[in-house]
Amino acid sequence: MNDHDLRRLLRDLPRPAARPGFTEQVLARIDTPAAPRRAGTRRRLGVGLAAAALLLVAPLAGVLGWRAWERQRAVAELAALRQEQRQLAEALRAWDAAPAAAARPEVVYLGGDDSVDIVFDVAHAARVLRASGPAARPAVSGHGTPRKGDRR
């Protein structure tokens, strides 16, 4: 069957007749004002408010997460610095307590990774402290607390 045959068959079908008064009913519906559709408006308003709230809350959550991450990083760095300070204080105590200069370590290994080793030259630090006098001595003990009589 081709298009020509299909058109001929459709033309041969009986045309449906509108029921009595159909045209008048349609024209009357067109003339009456439509009632406002509140349900759709409320739904759109709700979706809009939810989207606005999301746009306000998402950046706030990002900022709070970033601040928490920064705080964690700062706490970890502080812990590492305190550990290093304890190691240095212990090395200095060991160096001062050694009976002879030959038994005192020249350098203290602080750590590192595959590409870098971090060492502290104890002998050099002791020479600098002796040359600069008591005013240059650290104001804290090996535990991070001020020594008696020291001012900050």
Foldseek 3Di string as FASTA:
>chain_A
DDPVVVVVVVVPDDDDDDDPCPVVVVVVVVPDDDDDDVVVVVVVVVVVVVVVVCVVVVVVVVVVVVVVVVVVVVVVVVVLVLVLLLVVLVLLVVQVPDPDNVPRDQKAWDDDDPPDTDIGGNVVVVVVDVVVDPVPDDQPHSNRHGDPPGDD
